[in-house]
């Protein structure tokens, strides 16, 4: 499977090619959600609620395609987000394997959704 949109968003072959083609046929250029999740690197000093960061291990945009590398004193690039939330008392990182930027459309999605739901149930 080859497409200029496949490599940065999906980790081949860990997604359904038919779903990929269907999504690409109706895809717009960018959404408001994308703009709202771009890294700002500003600390949220007063945020104390639990925080879960979920990023596929092969997320090109957030980690350059390898989210399991260390980042300074942090065990992974997603874990480095903790530095932006120094007052959080429950910081958790989940990095699904064989998963790119579009976490929802990889075969790992059911396990990822289960993890998120269980985390929410235990976090509050």
PDB file of N, CA and C in Angstrom:
ATOM      1  N   UNK A   1       0.860  -1.171   0.000  1.00  0.00           N
ATOM      2  CA  UNK A   1       0.000   0.000   0.000  1.00  0.00           C
ATOM      3  C   UNK A   1       0.897   1.221   0.000  1.00  0.00           C
ATOM      4  N   UNK A   2       0.646   2.131  -0.913  1.00  0.00           N
ATOM      5  CA  UNK A   2       1.466   3.323  -0.999  1.00  0.00           C
ATOM      6  C   UNK A   2       0.583   4.545  -1.230  1.00  0.00           C
ATOM      7  N   UNK A   3       0.854   5.561  -0.488  1.00  0.00           N
ATOM      8  CA  UNK A   3       0.142   6.832  -0.628  1.00  0.00           C
ATOM      9  C   UNK A   3       0.940   7.875   0.120  1.00  0.00           C
ATOM     10  N   UNK A   4       0.884   9.107  -0.350  1.00  0.00           N
ATOM     11  CA  UNK A   4       1.584  10.179   0.367  1.00  0.00           C
ATOM     12  C   UNK A   4       0.991  10.401   1.748  1.00  0.00           C
ATOM     13  N   UNK A   5      -0.225   9.913   1.991  1.00  0.00           N
ATOM     14  CA  UNK A   5      -0.861  10.067   3.297  1.00  0.00           C
ATOM     15  C   UNK A   5      -0.679   8.852   4.198  1.00  0.00           C
ATOM     16  N   UNK A   6      -0.264   7.742   3.636  1.00  0.00           N
ATOM     17  CA  UNK A   6      -0.149   6.529   4.437  1.00  0.00           C
ATOM     18  C   UNK A   6       0.998   6.615   5.441  1.00  0.00           C
ATOM     19  N   UNK A   7       2.174   6.952   5.002  1.00  0.00           N
ATOM     20  CA  UNK A   7       3.358   6.903   5.865  1.00  0.00           C
ATOM     21  C   UNK A   7       3.266   7.788   7.107  1.00  0.00           C
ATOM     22  N   UNK A   8       2.843   9.040   7.000  1.00  0.00           N
ATOM     23  CA  UNK A   8       2.823   9.856   8.220  1.00  0.00           C
ATOM     24  C   UNK A   8       1.682   9.544   9.182  1.00  0.00           C
ATOM     25  N   UNK A   9       0.619   8.904   8.711  1.00  0.00           N
ATOM     26  CA  UNK A   9      -0.554   8.704   9.558  1.00  0.00           C
ATOM     27  C   UNK A   9      -0.794   7.258   9.986  1.00  0.00           C
ATOM     28  N   UNK A  10      -0.364   6.303   9.168  1.00  0.00           N
ATOM     29  CA  UNK A  10      -0.649   4.884   9.414  1.00  0.00           C
ATOM     30  C   UNK A  10       0.650   4.100   9.408  1.00  0.00           C
ATOM     31  N   UNK A  11       0.737   3.066  10.243  1.00  0.00           N
ATOM     32  CA  UNK A  11       1.918   2.207  10.264  1.00  0.00           C
ATOM     33  C   UNK A  11       1.575   0.909   9.541  1.00  0.00           C
ATOM     34  N   UNK A  12       2.087   0.774   8.322  1.00  0.00           N
ATOM     35  CA  UNK A  12       1.811  -0.378   7.475  1.00  0.00           C
ATOM     36  C   UNK A  12       2.490  -1.621   8.029  1.00  0.00           C
ATOM     37  N   UNK A  13       1.858  -2.762   8.005  1.00  0.00           N
ATOM     38  CA  UNK A  13       0.553  -3.153   7.480  1.00  0.00           C
ATOM     39  C   UNK A  13      -0.499  -3.306   8.579  1.00  0.00           C
ATOM     40  N   UNK A  14      -0.421  -2.506   9.623  1.00  0.00           N
ATOM     41  CA  UNK A  14      -1.246  -2.699  10.815  1.00  0.00           C
ATOM     42  C   UNK A  14      -2.546  -1.886  10.796  1.00  0.00           C
ATOM     43  N   UNK A  15      -3.162  -1.820   9.630  1.00  0.00           N
ATOM     44  CA  UNK A  15      -4.465  -1.187   9.467  1.00  0.00           C
ATOM     45  C   UNK A  15      -5.161  -1.848   8.287  1.00  0.00           C
ATOM     46  N   UNK A  16      -6.455  -1.658   8.190  1.00  0.00           N
ATOM     47  CA  UNK A  16      -7.246  -2.247   7.115  1.00  0.00           C
ATOM     48  C   UNK A  16      -7.125  -1.364   5.871  1.00  0.00           C
ATOM     49  N   UNK A  17      -6.561  -1.861   4.775  1.00  0.00           N
ATOM     50  CA  UNK A  17      -6.392  -1.036   3.572  1.00  0.00           C
ATOM     51  C   UNK A  17      -7.711  -0.491   3.017  1.00  0.00           C
ATOM     52  N   UNK A  18      -8.788  -1.245   3.152  1.00  0.00           N
ATOM     53  CA  UNK A  18     -10.074  -0.761   2.655  1.00  0.00           C
ATOM     54  C   UNK A  18     -10.568   0.433   3.479  1.00  0.00           C
ATOM     55  N   UNK A  19     -10.369   0.377   4.786  1.00  0.00           N
ATOM     56  CA  UNK A  19     -10.745   1.505   5.639  1.00  0.00           C
ATOM     57  C   UNK A  19      -9.882   2.714   5.287  1.00  0.00           C
ATOM     58  N   UNK A  20      -8.598   2.485   5.091  1.00  0.00           N
ATOM     59  CA  UNK A  20      -7.684   3.559   4.709  1.00  0.00           C
ATOM     60  C   UNK A  20      -8.157   4.262   3.436  1.00  0.00           C
ATOM     61  N   UNK A  21      -8.468   3.494   2.395  1.00  0.00           N
ATOM     62  CA  UNK A  21      -8.908   4.077   1.131  1.00  0.00           C
ATOM     63  C   UNK A  21     -10.214   4.846   1.288  1.00  0.00           C
ATOM     64  N   UNK A  22     -11.140   4.299   2.090  1.00  0.00           N
ATOM     65  CA  UNK A  22     -12.406   4.987   2.327  1.00  0.00           C
ATOM     66  C   UNK A  22     -12.180   6.308   3.056  1.00  0.00           C
ATOM     67  N   UNK A  23     -11.338   6.294   4.065  1.00  0.00           N
ATOM     68  CA  UNK A  23     -11.066   7.527   4.815  1.00  0.00           C
ATOM     69  C   UNK A  23     -10.375   8.570   3.943  1.00  0.00           C
ATOM     70  N   UNK A  24      -9.469   8.125   3.090  1.00  0.00           N
ATOM     71  CA  UNK A  24      -8.752   9.057   2.226  1.00  0.00           C
ATOM     72  C   UNK A  24      -9.668   9.692   1.188  1.00  0.00           C
ATOM     73  N   UNK A  25     -10.705   8.997   0.785  1.00  0.00           N
ATOM     74  CA  UNK A  25     -11.594   9.525  -0.252  1.00  0.00           C
ATOM     75  C   UNK A  25     -12.410  10.718   0.248  1.00  0.00           C
ATOM     76  N   UNK A  26     -12.621  10.838   1.546  1.00  0.00           N
ATOM     77  CA  UNK A  26     -13.420  11.941   2.076  1.00  0.00           C
ATOM     78  C   UNK A  26     -12.656  12.858   2.982  1.00  0.00           C
ATOM     79  N   UNK A  27     -11.361  12.753   2.987  1.00  0.00           N
ATOM     80  CA  UNK A  27     -10.528  13.506   3.914  1.00  0.00           C
ATOM     81  C   UNK A  27     -10.360  14.956   3.495  1.00  0.00           C
ATOM     82  N   UNK A  28     -10.488  15.847   4.478  1.00  0.00           N
ATOM     83  CA  UNK A  28     -10.233  17.262   4.253  1.00  0.00           C
ATOM     84  C   UNK A  28      -8.765  17.571   4.492  1.00  0.00           C
ATOM     85  N   UNK A  29      -8.419  18.817   4.382  1.00  0.00           N
ATOM     86  CA  UNK A  29      -7.022  19.192   4.542  1.00  0.00           C
ATOM     87  C   UNK A  29      -6.566  19.172   5.990  1.00  0.00           C
ATOM     88  N   UNK A  30      -7.353  19.762   6.881  1.00  0.00           N
ATOM     89  CA  UNK A  30      -6.973  19.795   8.288  1.00  0.00           C
ATOM     90  C   UNK A  30      -8.214  20.096   9.124  1.00  0.00           C
ATOM     91  N   UNK A  31      -8.212  19.634  10.342  1.00  0.00           N
ATOM     92  CA  UNK A  31      -9.359  19.861  11.214  1.00  0.00           C
ATOM     93  C   UNK A  31      -8.962  20.763  12.369  1.00  0.00           C
ATOM     94  N   UNK A  32      -9.958  21.305  13.040  1.00  0.00           N
ATOM     95  CA  UNK A  32      -9.712  22.120  14.221  1.00  0.00           C
ATOM     96  C   UNK A  32      -9.001  21.293  15.293  1.00  0.00           C
ATOM     97  N   UNK A  33      -9.368  20.019  15.420  1.00  0.00           N
ATOM     98  CA  UNK A  33      -8.737  19.139  16.397  1.00  0.00           C
ATOM     99  C   UNK A  33      -7.241  19.026  16.207  1.00  0.00           C
ATOM    100  N   UNK A  34      -6.788  19.028  14.964  1.00  0.00           N
ATOM    101  CA  UNK A  34      -5.350  18.969  14.696  1.00  0.00           C
ATOM    102  C   UNK A  34      -4.670  20.218  15.245  1.00  0.00           C
ATOM    103  N   UNK A  35      -5.244  21.359  14.975  1.00  0.00           N
ATOM    104  CA  UNK A  35      -4.659  22.602  15.480  1.00  0.00           C
ATOM    105  C   UNK A  35      -4.619  22.629  17.001  1.00  0.00           C
ATOM    106  N   UNK A  36      -5.652  22.103  17.642  1.00  0.00           N
ATOM    107  CA  UNK A  36      -5.719  22.141  19.103  1.00  0.00           C
ATOM    108  C   UNK A  36      -4.751  21.175  19.769  1.00  0.00           C
ATOM    109  N   UNK A  37      -4.244  20.193  19.036  1.00  0.00           N
ATOM    110  CA  UNK A  37      -3.334  19.221  19.644  1.00  0.00           C
ATOM    111  C   UNK A  37      -1.881  19.429  19.228  1.00  0.00           C
ATOM    112  N   UNK A  38      -1.592  20.476  18.495  1.00  0.00           N
ATOM    113  CA  UNK A  38      -0.204  20.737  18.143  1.00  0.00           C
ATOM    114  C   UNK A  38       0.573  21.118  19.401  1.00  0.00           C
ATOM    115  N   UNK A  39       1.791  20.616  19.532  1.00  0.00           N
ATOM    116  CA  UNK A  39       2.571  20.931  20.738  1.00  0.00           C
ATOM    117  C   UNK A  39       2.796  22.430  20.909  1.00  0.00           C
ATOM    118  N   UNK A  40       2.539  22.905  22.110  1.00  0.00           N
ATOM    119  CA  UNK A  40       2.729  24.311  22.429  1.00  0.00           C
ATOM    120  C   UNK A  40       3.926  24.528  23.352  1.00  0.00           C
ATOM    121  N   UNK A  41       4.335  23.479  24.051  1.00  0.00           N
ATOM    122  CA  UNK A  41       5.467  23.546  24.977  1.00  0.00           C
ATOM    123  C   UNK A  41       5.321  24.627  26.034  1.00  0.00           C
ATOM    124  N   UNK A  42       4.087  24.826  26.495  1.00  0.00           N
ATOM    125  CA  UNK A  42       3.834  25.748  27.597  1.00  0.00           C
ATOM    126  C   UNK A  42       3.388  24.926  28.792  1.00  0.00           C
ATOM    127  N   UNK A  43       3.949  25.211  29.950  1.00  0.00           N
ATOM    128  CA  UNK A  43       3.581  24.462  31.146  1.00  0.00           C
ATOM    129  C   UNK A  43       2.200  24.845  31.656  1.00  0.00           C
ATOM    130  N   UNK A  44       1.469  23.832  32.070  1.00  0.00           N
ATOM    131  CA  UNK A  44       0.169  24.032  32.732  1.00  0.00           C
ATOM    132  C   UNK A  44       0.414  23.848  34.224  1.00  0.00           C
ATOM    133  N   UNK A  45       0.893  24.885  34.860  1.00  0.00           N
ATOM    134  CA  UNK A  45       1.362  24.812  36.241  1.00  0.00           C
ATOM    135  C   UNK A  45       0.263  24.496  37.248  1.00  0.00           C
ATOM    136  N   UNK A  46      -0.966  24.860  36.961  1.00  0.00           N
ATOM    137  CA  UNK A  46      -2.049  24.672  37.919  1.00  0.00           C
ATOM    138  C   UNK A  46      -2.932  23.465  37.628  1.00  0.00           C
ATOM    139  N   UNK A  47      -2.630  22.711  36.594  1.00  0.00           N
ATOM    140  CA  UNK A  47      -3.442  21.542  36.263  1.00  0.00           C
ATOM    141  C   UNK A  47      -3.034  20.379  37.166  1.00  0.00           C
ATOM    142  N   UNK A  48      -3.993  19.857  37.939  1.00  0.00           N
ATOM    143  CA  UNK A  48      -3.677  18.792  38.895  1.00  0.00           C
ATOM    144  C   UNK A  48      -4.468  17.507  38.657  1.00  0.00           C
ATOM    145  N   UNK A  49      -5.413  17.515  37.749  1.00  0.00           N
ATOM    146  CA  UNK A  49      -6.218  16.316  37.497  1.00  0.00           C
ATOM    147  C   UNK A  49      -5.382  15.223  36.835  1.00  0.00           C
ATOM    148  N   UNK A  50      -5.861  13.981  36.869  1.00  0.00           N
ATOM    149  CA  UNK A  50      -5.152  12.900  36.183  1.00  0.00           C
ATOM    150  C   UNK A  50      -5.004  13.201  34.688  1.00  0.00           C
ATOM    151  N   UNK A  51      -3.941  12.669  34.100  1.00  0.00           N
ATOM    152  CA  UNK A  51      -3.663  12.928  32.697  1.00  0.00           C
ATOM    153  C   UNK A  51      -3.154  11.654  32.034  1.00  0.00           C
ATOM    154  N   UNK A  52      -3.761  11.326  30.904  1.00  0.00           N
ATOM    155  CA  UNK A  52      -3.353  10.165  30.105  1.00  0.00           C
ATOM    156  C   UNK A  52      -2.901  10.660  28.741  1.00  0.00           C
ATOM    157  N   UNK A  53      -1.717  10.238  28.327  1.00  0.00           N
ATOM    158  CA  UNK A  53      -1.195  10.545  27.001  1.00  0.00           C
ATOM    159  C   UNK A  53      -1.178   9.236  26.217  1.00  0.00           C
ATOM    160  N   UNK A  54      -1.834   9.234  25.053  1.00  0.00           N
ATOM    161  CA  UNK A  54      -1.882   8.054  24.189  1.00  0.00           C
ATOM    162  C   UNK A  54      -1.308   8.437  22.836  1.00  0.00           C
ATOM    163  N   UNK A  55      -0.263   7.741  22.447  1.00  0.00           N
ATOM    164  CA  UNK A  55       0.393   7.998  21.171  1.00  0.00           C
ATOM    165  C   UNK A  55       0.909   6.680  20.620  1.00  0.00           C
ATOM    166  N   UNK A  56       0.605   6.396  19.342  1.00  0.00           N
ATOM    167  CA  UNK A  56       1.109   5.181  18.720  1.00  0.00           C
ATOM    168  C   UNK A  56       2.625   5.158  18.687  1.00  0.00           C
ATOM    169  N   UNK A  57       3.212   3.976  18.805  1.00  0.00           N
ATOM    170  CA  UNK A  57       4.672   3.879  18.851  1.00  0.00           C
ATOM    171  C   UNK A  57       5.345   4.349  17.565  1.00  0.00           C
ATOM    172  N   UNK A  58       4.615   4.383  16.478  1.00  0.00           N
ATOM    173  CA  UNK A  58       5.171   4.821  15.192  1.00  0.00           C
ATOM    174  C   UNK A  58       4.562   6.150  14.727  1.00  0.00           C
ATOM    175  N   UNK A  59       4.142   6.974  15.689  1.00  0.00           N
ATOM    176  CA  UNK A  59       3.553   8.271  15.366  1.00  0.00           C
ATOM    177  C   UNK A  59       4.626   9.180  14.788  1.00  0.00           C
ATOM    178  N   UNK A  60       4.483   9.479  13.529  1.00  0.00           N
ATOM    179  CA  UNK A  60       5.462  10.298  12.818  1.00  0.00           C
ATOM    180  C   UNK A  60       5.452  11.742  13.305  1.00  0.00           C
ATOM    181  N   UNK A  61       4.260  12.296  13.535  1.00  0.00           N
ATOM    182  CA  UNK A  61       4.151  13.714  13.877  1.00  0.00           C
ATOM    183  C   UNK A  61       4.598  14.016  15.304  1.00  0.00           C
ATOM    184  N   UNK A  62       4.251  13.174  16.247  1.00  0.00           N
ATOM    185  CA  UNK A  62       4.563  13.457  17.644  1.00  0.00           C
ATOM    186  C   UNK A  62       5.942  12.951  18.060  1.00  0.00           C
ATOM    187  N   UNK A  63       6.455  11.951  17.348  1.00  0.00           N
ATOM    188  CA  UNK A  63       7.710  11.337  17.798  1.00  0.00           C
ATOM    189  C   UNK A  63       8.707  11.059  16.671  1.00  0.00           C
ATOM    190  N   UNK A  64       8.448  11.542  15.487  1.00  0.00           N
ATOM    191  CA  UNK A  64       9.357  11.276  14.378  1.00  0.00           C
ATOM    192  C   UNK A  64       9.365   9.819  13.959  1.00  0.00           C
ATOM    193  N   UNK A  65       8.320   9.086  14.312  1.00  0.00           N
ATOM    194  CA  UNK A  65       8.197   7.689  13.901  1.00  0.00           C
ATOM    195  C   UNK A  65       8.687   6.671  14.909  1.00  0.00           C
ATOM    196  N   UNK A  66       9.210   7.125  16.056  1.00  0.00           N
ATOM    197  CA  UNK A  66       9.643   6.187  17.101  1.00  0.00           C
ATOM    198  C   UNK A  66       9.393   6.821  18.469  1.00  0.00           C
ATOM    199  N   UNK A  67       8.277   6.477  19.070  1.00  0.00           N
ATOM    200  CA  UNK A  67       7.904   7.085  20.351  1.00  0.00           C
ATOM    201  C   UNK A  67       8.528   6.400  21.563  1.00  0.00           C
ATOM    202  N   UNK A  68       9.262   5.330  21.349  1.00  0.00           N
ATOM    203  CA  UNK A  68       9.850   4.608  22.480  1.00  0.00           C
ATOM    204  C   UNK A  68      11.293   5.009  22.779  1.00  0.00           C
ATOM    205  N   UNK A  69      11.773   6.063  22.156  1.00  0.00           N
ATOM    206  CA  UNK A  69      13.122   6.527  22.475  1.00  0.00           C
ATOM    207  C   UNK A  69      13.067   7.446  23.690  1.00  0.00           C
ATOM    208  N   UNK A  70      14.142   7.486  24.439  1.00  0.00           N
ATOM    209  CA  UNK A  70      14.187   8.346  25.615  1.00  0.00           C
ATOM    210  C   UNK A  70      14.230   9.810  25.176  1.00  0.00           C
ATOM    211  N   UNK A  71      13.780  10.676  26.063  1.00  0.00           N
ATOM    212  CA  UNK A  71      13.775  12.112  25.797  1.00  0.00           C
ATOM    213  C   UNK A  71      14.249  12.798  27.068  1.00  0.00           C
ATOM    214  N   UNK A  72      15.516  13.125  27.115  1.00  0.00           N
ATOM    215  CA  UNK A  72      16.093  13.686  28.337  1.00  0.00           C
ATOM    216  C   UNK A  72      16.027  12.661  29.456  1.00  0.00           C
ATOM    217  N   UNK A  73      15.426  13.040  30.578  1.00  0.00           N
ATOM    218  CA  UNK A  73      15.293  12.134  31.717  1.00  0.00           C
ATOM    219  C   UNK A  73      14.044  11.258  31.625  1.00  0.00           C
ATOM    220  N   UNK A  74      13.280  11.379  30.555  1.00  0.00           N
ATOM    221  CA  UNK A  74      12.026  10.637  30.412  1.00  0.00           C
ATOM    222  C   UNK A  74      12.245   9.361  29.605  1.00  0.00           C
ATOM    223  N   UNK A  75      11.515   8.292  29.952  1.00  0.00           N
ATOM    224  CA  UNK A  75      11.724   7.002  29.284  1.00  0.00           C
ATOM    225  C   UNK A  75      11.213   6.946  27.849  1.00  0.00           C
ATOM    226  N   UNK A  76      10.385   7.908  27.433  1.00  0.00           N
ATOM    227  CA  UNK A  76       9.875   7.948  26.065  1.00  0.00           C
ATOM    228  C   UNK A  76       9.505   9.385  25.721  1.00  0.00           C
ATOM    229  N   UNK A  77       9.308   9.645  24.453  1.00  0.00           N
ATOM    230  CA  UNK A  77       8.903  11.000  24.054  1.00  0.00           C
ATOM    231  C   UNK A  77       7.527  11.369  24.592  1.00  0.00           C
ATOM    232  N   UNK A  78       6.542  10.474  24.535  1.00  0.00           N
ATOM    233  CA  UNK A  78       5.251  10.841  25.148  1.00  0.00           C
ATOM    234  C   UNK A  78       5.366  11.093  26.657  1.00  0.00           C
ATOM    235  N   UNK A  79       6.243  10.380  27.338  1.00  0.00           N
ATOM    236  CA  UNK A  79       6.413  10.586  28.783  1.00  0.00           C
ATOM    237  C   UNK A  79       6.957  11.976  29.082  1.00  0.00           C
ATOM    238  N   UNK A  80       7.656  12.573  28.126  1.00  0.00           N
ATOM    239  CA  UNK A  80       8.208  13.914  28.327  1.00  0.00           C
ATOM    240  C   UNK A  80       7.114  14.967  28.478  1.00  0.00           C
ATOM    241  N   UNK A  81       5.898  14.649  28.068  1.00  0.00           N
ATOM    242  CA  UNK A  81       4.774  15.562  28.244  1.00  0.00           C
ATOM    243  C   UNK A  81       4.569  15.868  29.729  1.00  0.00           C
ATOM    244  N   UNK A  82       4.974  14.960  30.601  1.00  0.00           N
ATOM    245  CA  UNK A  82       4.839  15.179  32.044  1.00  0.00           C
ATOM    246  C   UNK A  82       5.521  16.466  32.475  1.00  0.00           C
ATOM    247  N   UNK A  83       6.570  16.860  31.784  1.00  0.00           N
ATOM    248  CA  UNK A  83       7.257  18.098  32.104  1.00  0.00           C
ATOM    249  C   UNK A  83       6.400  19.339  31.897  1.00  0.00           C
ATOM    250  N   UNK A  84       5.353  19.201  31.086  1.00  0.00           N
ATOM    251  CA  UNK A  84       4.448  20.324  30.848  1.00  0.00           C
ATOM    252  C   UNK A  84       3.341  20.403  31.893  1.00  0.00           C
ATOM    253  N   UNK A  85       3.217  19.344  32.704  1.00  0.00           N
ATOM    254  CA  UNK A  85       2.160  19.266  33.721  1.00  0.00           C
ATOM    255  C   UNK A  85       2.782  18.886  35.068  1.00  0.00           C
ATOM    256  N   UNK A  86       3.603  19.744  35.635  1.00  0.00           N
ATOM    257  CA  UNK A  86       4.350  19.388  36.837  1.00  0.00           C
ATOM    258  C   UNK A  86       3.496  19.135  38.081  1.00  0.00           C
ATOM    259  N   UNK A  87       2.255  19.619  38.125  1.00  0.00           N
ATOM    260  CA  UNK A  87       1.413  19.453  39.318  1.00  0.00           C
ATOM    261  C   UNK A  87       0.481  18.236  39.236  1.00  0.00           C
ATOM    262  N   UNK A  88       0.495  17.511  38.119  1.00  0.00           N
ATOM    263  CA  UNK A  88      -0.379  16.340  37.964  1.00  0.00           C
ATOM    264  C   UNK A  88       0.070  15.242  38.920  1.00  0.00           C
ATOM    265  N   UNK A  89      -0.890  14.650  39.620  1.00  0.00           N
ATOM    266  CA  UNK A  89      -0.549  13.594  40.576  1.00  0.00           C
ATOM    267  C   UNK A  89      -0.734  12.193  39.996  1.00  0.00           C
ATOM    268  N   UNK A  90      -1.354  12.073  38.820  1.00  0.00           N
ATOM    269  CA  UNK A  90      -1.571  10.774  38.191  1.00  0.00           C
ATOM    270  C   UNK A  90      -1.323  10.951  36.697  1.00  0.00           C
ATOM    271  N   UNK A  91      -0.075  10.773  36.281  1.00  0.00           N
ATOM    272  CA  UNK A  91       0.313  10.918  34.880  1.00  0.00           C
ATOM    273  C   UNK A  91       0.605   9.538  34.318  1.00  0.00           C
ATOM    274  N   UNK A  92      -0.079   9.188  33.218  1.00  0.00           N
ATOM    275  CA  UNK A  92       0.070   7.870  32.621  1.00  0.00           C
ATOM    276  C   UNK A  92       0.320   8.017  31.124  1.00  0.00           C
ATOM    277  N   UNK A  93       1.174   7.165  30.595  1.00  0.00           N
ATOM    278  CA  UNK A  93       1.448   7.119  29.162  1.00  0.00           C
ATOM    279  C   UNK A  93       1.091   5.734  28.653  1.00  0.00           C
ATOM    280  N   UNK A  94       0.395   5.693  27.518  1.00  0.00           N
ATOM    281  CA  UNK A  94       0.096   4.429  26.847  1.00  0.00           C
ATOM    282  C   UNK A  94       0.558   4.551  25.406  1.00  0.00           C
ATOM    283  N   UNK A  95       1.421   3.632  24.983  1.00  0.00           N
ATOM    284  CA  UNK A  95       1.990   3.649  23.640  1.00  0.00           C
ATOM    285  C   UNK A  95       1.661   2.323  22.959  1.00  0.00           C
ATOM    286  N   UNK A  96       0.556   2.266  22.192  1.00  0.00           N
ATOM    287  CA  UNK A  96       0.222   1.012  21.512  1.00  0.00           C
ATOM    288  C   UNK A  96       1.250   0.683  20.424  1.00  0.00           C
ATOM    289  N   UNK A  97       1.609  -0.599  20.357  1.00  0.00           N
ATOM    290  CA  UNK A  97       2.597  -1.059  19.382  1.00  0.00           C
ATOM    291  C   UNK A  97       2.003  -1.111  17.976  1.00  0.00           C
ATOM    292  N   UNK A  98       2.881  -0.995  16.990  1.00  0.00           N
ATOM    293  CA  UNK A  98       2.495  -1.091  15.577  1.00  0.00           C
ATOM    294  C   UNK A  98       1.363  -0.141  15.235  1.00  0.00           C
ATOM    295  N   UNK A  99       1.474   1.093  15.727  1.00  0.00           N
ATOM    296  CA  UNK A  99       0.412   2.076  15.574  1.00  0.00           C
ATOM    297  C   UNK A  99       1.008   3.424  15.198  1.00  0.00           C
ATOM    298  N   UNK A 100       0.422   4.045  14.177  1.00  0.00           N
ATOM    299  CA  UNK A 100       0.862   5.361  13.744  1.00  0.00           C
ATOM    300  C   UNK A 100       0.031   6.461  14.374  1.00  0.00           C
ATOM    301  N   UNK A 101       0.011   7.608  13.733  1.00  0.00           N
ATOM    302  CA  UNK A 101      -0.658   8.797  14.261  1.00  0.00           C
ATOM    303  C   UNK A 101      -2.168   8.610  14.412  1.00  0.00           C
ATOM    304  N   UNK A 102      -2.808   7.976  13.442  1.00  0.00           N
ATOM    305  CA  UNK A 102      -4.255   7.748  13.506  1.00  0.00           C
ATOM    306  C   UNK A 102      -4.535   6.497  14.329  1.00  0.00           C
ATOM    307  N   UNK A 103      -4.445   6.625  15.631  1.00  0.00           N
ATOM    308  CA  UNK A 103      -4.613   5.513  16.564  1.00  0.00           C
ATOM    309  C   UNK A 103      -5.934   4.783  16.336  1.00  0.00           C
ATOM    310  N   UNK A 104      -6.995   5.526  16.069  1.00  0.00           N
ATOM    311  CA  UNK A 104      -8.330   4.947  15.932  1.00  0.00           C
ATOM    312  C   UNK A 104      -8.461   3.976  14.770  1.00  0.00           C
ATOM    313  N   UNK A 105      -7.600   4.053  13.779  1.00  0.00           N
ATOM    314  CA  UNK A 105      -7.770   3.268  12.565  1.00  0.00           C
ATOM    315  C   UNK A 105      -6.779   2.123  12.420  1.00  0.00           C
ATOM    316  N   UNK A 106      -6.030   1.841  13.456  1.00  0.00           N
ATOM    317  CA  UNK A 106      -5.110   0.703  13.434  1.00  0.00           C
ATOM    318  C   UNK A 106      -5.770  -0.510  14.083  1.00  0.00           C
ATOM    319  N   UNK A 107      -5.228  -1.675  13.800  1.00  0.00           N
ATOM    320  CA  UNK A 107      -5.767  -2.898  14.387  1.00  0.00           C
ATOM    321  C   UNK A 107      -5.650  -2.898  15.910  1.00  0.00           C
ATOM    322  N   UNK A 108      -4.787  -2.073  16.459  1.00  0.00           N
ATOM    323  CA  UNK A 108      -4.610  -1.980  17.909  1.00  0.00           C
ATOM    324  C   UNK A 108      -5.702  -1.152  18.583  1.00  0.00           C
ATOM    325  N   UNK A 109      -6.583  -0.536  17.819  1.00  0.00           N
ATOM    326  CA  UNK A 109      -7.593   0.373  18.379  1.00  0.00           C
ATOM    327  C   UNK A 109      -8.450  -0.256  19.478  1.00  0.00           C
ATOM    328  N   UNK A 110      -8.965  -1.482  19.315  1.00  0.00           N
ATOM    329  CA  UNK A 110      -9.793  -2.033  20.403  1.00  0.00           C
ATOM    330  C   UNK A 110      -9.045  -2.127  21.738  1.00  0.00           C
ATOM    331  N   UNK A 111      -7.783  -2.545  21.705  1.00  0.00           N
ATOM    332  CA  UNK A 111      -6.998  -2.626  22.937  1.00  0.00           C
ATOM    333  C   UNK A 111      -6.729  -1.228  23.495  1.00  0.00           C
ATOM    334  N   UNK A 112      -6.497  -0.273  22.603  1.00  0.00           N
ATOM    335  CA  UNK A 112      -6.261   1.099  23.037  1.00  0.00           C
ATOM    336  C   UNK A 112      -7.505   1.674  23.699  1.00  0.00           C
ATOM    337  N   UNK A 113      -8.661   1.452  23.092  1.00  0.00           N
ATOM    338  CA  UNK A 113      -9.912   1.948  23.680  1.00  0.00           C
ATOM    339  C   UNK A 113     -10.176   1.294  25.034  1.00  0.00           C
ATOM    340  N   UNK A 114      -9.884   0.001  25.146  1.00  0.00           N
ATOM    341  CA  UNK A 114     -10.054  -0.702  26.421  1.00  0.00           C
ATOM    342  C   UNK A 114      -9.153  -0.085  27.482  1.00  0.00           C
ATOM    343  N   UNK A 115      -7.894   0.173  27.130  1.00  0.00           N
ATOM    344  CA  UNK A 115      -6.971   0.787  28.078  1.00  0.00           C
ATOM    345  C   UNK A 115      -7.493   2.148  28.533  1.00  0.00           C
ATOM    346  N   UNK A 116      -7.934   2.966  27.594  1.00  0.00           N
ATOM    347  CA  UNK A 116      -8.431   4.301  27.922  1.00  0.00           C
ATOM    348  C   UNK A 116      -9.633   4.213  28.862  1.00  0.00           C
ATOM    349  N   UNK A 117     -10.575   3.337  28.543  1.00  0.00           N
ATOM    350  CA  UNK A 117     -11.776   3.214  29.376  1.00  0.00           C
ATOM    351  C   UNK A 117     -11.430   2.724  30.786  1.00  0.00           C
ATOM    352  N   UNK A 118     -10.527   1.769  30.882  1.00  0.00           N
ATOM    353  CA  UNK A 118     -10.118   1.276  32.205  1.00  0.00           C
ATOM    354  C   UNK A 118      -9.380   2.363  32.966  1.00  0.00           C
ATOM    355  N   UNK A 119      -8.542   3.115  32.279  1.00  0.00           N
ATOM    356  CA  UNK A 119      -7.802   4.203  32.930  1.00  0.00           C
ATOM    357  C   UNK A 119      -8.784   5.235  33.480  1.00  0.00           C
ATOM    358  N   UNK A 120      -9.772   5.622  32.674  1.00  0.00           N
ATOM    359  CA  UNK A 120     -10.774   6.591  33.142  1.00  0.00           C
ATOM    360  C   UNK A 120     -11.498   6.059  34.370  1.00  0.00           C
ATOM    361  N   UNK A 121     -11.866   4.781  34.328  1.00  0.00           N
ATOM    362  CA  UNK A 121     -12.572   4.181  35.460  1.00  0.00           C
ATOM    363  C   UNK A 121     -11.775   4.177  36.740  1.00  0.00           C
ATOM    364  N   UNK A 122     -10.472   4.131  36.648  1.00  0.00           N
ATOM    365  CA  UNK A 122      -9.606   4.087  37.816  1.00  0.00           C
ATOM    366  C   UNK A 122      -9.005   5.446  38.197  1.00  0.00           C
ATOM    367  N   UNK A 123      -9.075   6.412  37.296  1.00  0.00           N
ATOM    368  CA  UNK A 123      -8.384   7.681  37.512  1.00  0.00           C
ATOM    369  C   UNK A 123      -9.138   8.629  38.429  1.00  0.00           C
ATOM    370  N   UNK A 124     -10.460   8.518  38.458  1.00  0.00           N
ATOM    371  CA  UNK A 124     -11.234   9.502  39.217  1.00  0.00           C
ATOM    372  C   UNK A 124     -11.960   8.859  40.375  1.00  0.00           C
TER     373      UNK A 124
END
